[in-house]
Amino acid sequence: MARIKGSAAGGGYSTAKDLLLFSKALFSHILLTETLTKMVLTGKIQPNPEMENIRYAYGFGVHNYDSLTRYGHNGGAPGINSFFGVYQPVNYTLIVLSNYDPPAAERVANNIHSLLINLA
């Protein structure tokens, strides 16, 4: 039985268009003030001590590369998989939604991610 709405533990759903609107509203400070946006996006926890370039903020993974920072999240369950990432300072939003098991969306996103990192 399909869930009617998502929850904090998962089951969220969206469209690529709505995720893009969310990205634009967050990073242009329409959703939150600049101060609150910075607070939400600042990495606070380092989940893996061996990977110093990755932190977890309030609901966002923060991945630092040489000249780019990617803010985002991915997720999945049987039959669904998603990737959402915003690359700054180039202001590029990458959204991949899939009706296939993980890691279908992440595979596509990782290929595009490699191109973005190499272009930066």
Protein backbone atom coordinates (compact mmCIF):
# COMPACT_ATOMS: atom_id res chain seq x y z
CA MET A 1 0.00 0.00 0.00
CA ALA A 2 1.38 3.37 -1.00
CA ARG A 3 1.84 6.04 1.65
CA ILE A 4 -0.32 9.10 1.36
CA LYS A 5 2.44 11.42 2.54
CA GLY A 6 6.06 11.25 3.57
CA SER A 7 7.46 11.35 7.07
CA ALA A 8 10.66 12.36 8.81
CA ALA A 9 11.88 8.75 8.56
CA GLY A 10 11.46 8.63 4.79
CA GLY A 11 8.73 8.15 2.28
CA GLY A 12 9.00 11.71 1.05
CA TYR A 13 8.03 12.43 -2.49
CA SER A 14 8.40 15.31 -4.89
CA THR A 15 8.78 16.24 -8.52
CA ALA A 16 11.92 17.45 -10.25
CA LYS A 17 10.20 20.79 -10.84
CA ASP A 18 9.36 21.23 -7.14
CA LEU A 19 12.89 20.25 -6.08
CA LEU A 20 14.28 22.85 -8.48
CA LEU A 21 11.92 25.49 -7.07
CA PHE A 22 13.05 24.49 -3.55
CA SER A 23 16.70 24.86 -4.57
CA LYS A 24 16.10 28.28 -6.09
CA ALA A 25 14.12 29.49 -3.05
CA LEU A 26 16.73 28.21 -0.58
CA PHE A 27 19.81 29.57 -2.31
CA SER A 28 18.28 32.92 -3.25
CA HIS A 29 17.19 33.45 0.40
CA ILE A 30 13.48 33.47 -0.38
CA LEU A 31 12.82 30.45 1.85
CA LEU A 32 15.12 31.53 4.70
CA THR A 33 17.19 34.59 5.48
CA GLU A 34 20.84 34.51 4.45
CA THR A 35 21.86 33.91 8.08
CA LEU A 36 19.45 31.00 8.55
CA THR A 37 20.40 29.51 5.18
CA LYS A 38 24.06 29.55 6.20
CA MET A 39 23.20 27.92 9.53
CA VAL A 40 21.16 25.16 7.85
CA LEU A 41 23.84 24.45 5.25
CA THR A 42 26.92 24.54 7.49
CA GLY A 43 28.31 21.05 8.01
CA LYS A 44 28.20 20.06 11.65
CA ILE A 45 28.92 16.34 11.81
CA GLN A 46 31.67 14.39 10.07
CA PRO A 47 30.08 10.95 9.60
CA ASN A 48 33.28 9.31 8.38
CA PRO A 49 36.59 10.42 9.96
CA GLU A 50 38.44 9.19 6.86
CA MET A 51 36.53 11.59 4.58
CA GLU A 52 37.32 15.11 5.74
CA ASN A 53 35.55 16.74 2.78
CA ILE A 54 32.11 15.42 3.80
CA ARG A 55 29.96 16.82 6.59
CA TYR A 56 26.31 16.55 7.49
CA ALA A 57 24.28 19.70 8.12
CA TYR A 58 20.59 20.04 9.00
CA GLY A 59 19.21 17.57 6.46
CA PHE A 60 21.92 18.19 3.88
CA GLY A 61 25.13 16.42 3.05
CA VAL A 62 27.87 18.96 2.46
CA HIS A 63 30.66 17.76 0.14
CA ASN A 64 33.63 20.06 -0.39
CA TYR A 65 35.72 19.70 -3.53
CA ASP A 66 38.57 21.88 -4.77
CA SER A 67 36.47 24.70 -6.18
CA LEU A 68 32.91 23.47 -5.56
CA THR A 69 30.67 22.60 -2.66
CA ARG A 70 27.72 20.27 -3.17
CA TYR A 71 24.74 20.45 -0.84
CA GLY A 72 22.15 17.73 -1.10
CA HIS A 73 20.65 14.42 -0.20
CA ASN A 74 19.84 11.13 -1.81
CA GLY A 75 17.59 8.28 -0.87
CA GLY A 76 15.87 5.19 -2.01
CA ALA A 77 13.95 2.01 -1.33
CA PRO A 78 12.88 -0.88 -3.54
CA GLY A 79 11.50 0.64 -6.72
CA ILE A 80 12.53 4.24 -6.02
CA ASN A 81 15.77 6.19 -5.93
CA SER A 82 16.61 9.89 -5.93
CA PHE A 83 19.53 12.29 -5.92
CA PHE A 84 19.38 16.02 -5.18
CA GLY A 85 22.50 18.15 -5.22
CA VAL A 86 23.19 21.86 -5.51
CA TYR A 87 26.67 22.89 -6.61
CA GLN A 88 27.97 26.23 -5.39
CA PRO A 89 29.28 28.72 -6.35
CA VAL A 90 28.22 27.73 -9.88
CA ASN A 91 24.56 27.50 -8.77
CA TYR A 92 23.91 24.25 -10.62
CA THR A 93 21.15 21.95 -9.35
CA LEU A 94 21.31 18.26 -10.20
CA ILE A 95 18.12 16.24 -9.72
CA VAL A 96 17.76 12.59 -10.69
CA LEU A 97 14.56 10.70 -9.90
CA SER A 98 14.15 7.03 -10.70
CA ASN A 99 11.51 4.32 -10.47
CA TYR A 100 14.26 1.70 -10.17
CA ASP A 101 15.97 0.22 -7.13
CA PRO A 102 18.98 2.02 -5.69
CA PRO A 103 21.55 2.91 -6.86
CA ALA A 104 19.92 3.74 -10.23
CA ALA A 105 19.63 7.52 -9.66
CA GLU A 106 22.98 7.72 -7.89
CA ARG A 107 24.73 6.07 -10.86
CA VAL A 108 23.38 8.68 -13.25
CA ALA A 109 24.09 11.50 -10.78
CA ASN A 110 27.65 10.27 -10.15
CA ASN A 111 28.41 10.35 -13.88
CA ILE A 112 27.12 13.93 -14.15
CA HIS A 113 28.90 14.83 -10.91
CA SER A 114 32.22 13.64 -12.38
CA LEU A 115 31.69 15.91 -15.38
CA LEU A 116 30.88 18.91 -13.17
CA ILE A 117 33.91 18.40 -10.94
CA ASN A 118 36.20 18.07 -13.97
CA LEU A 119 34.78 21.24 -15.54
CA ALA A 120 35.16 23.33 -12.40
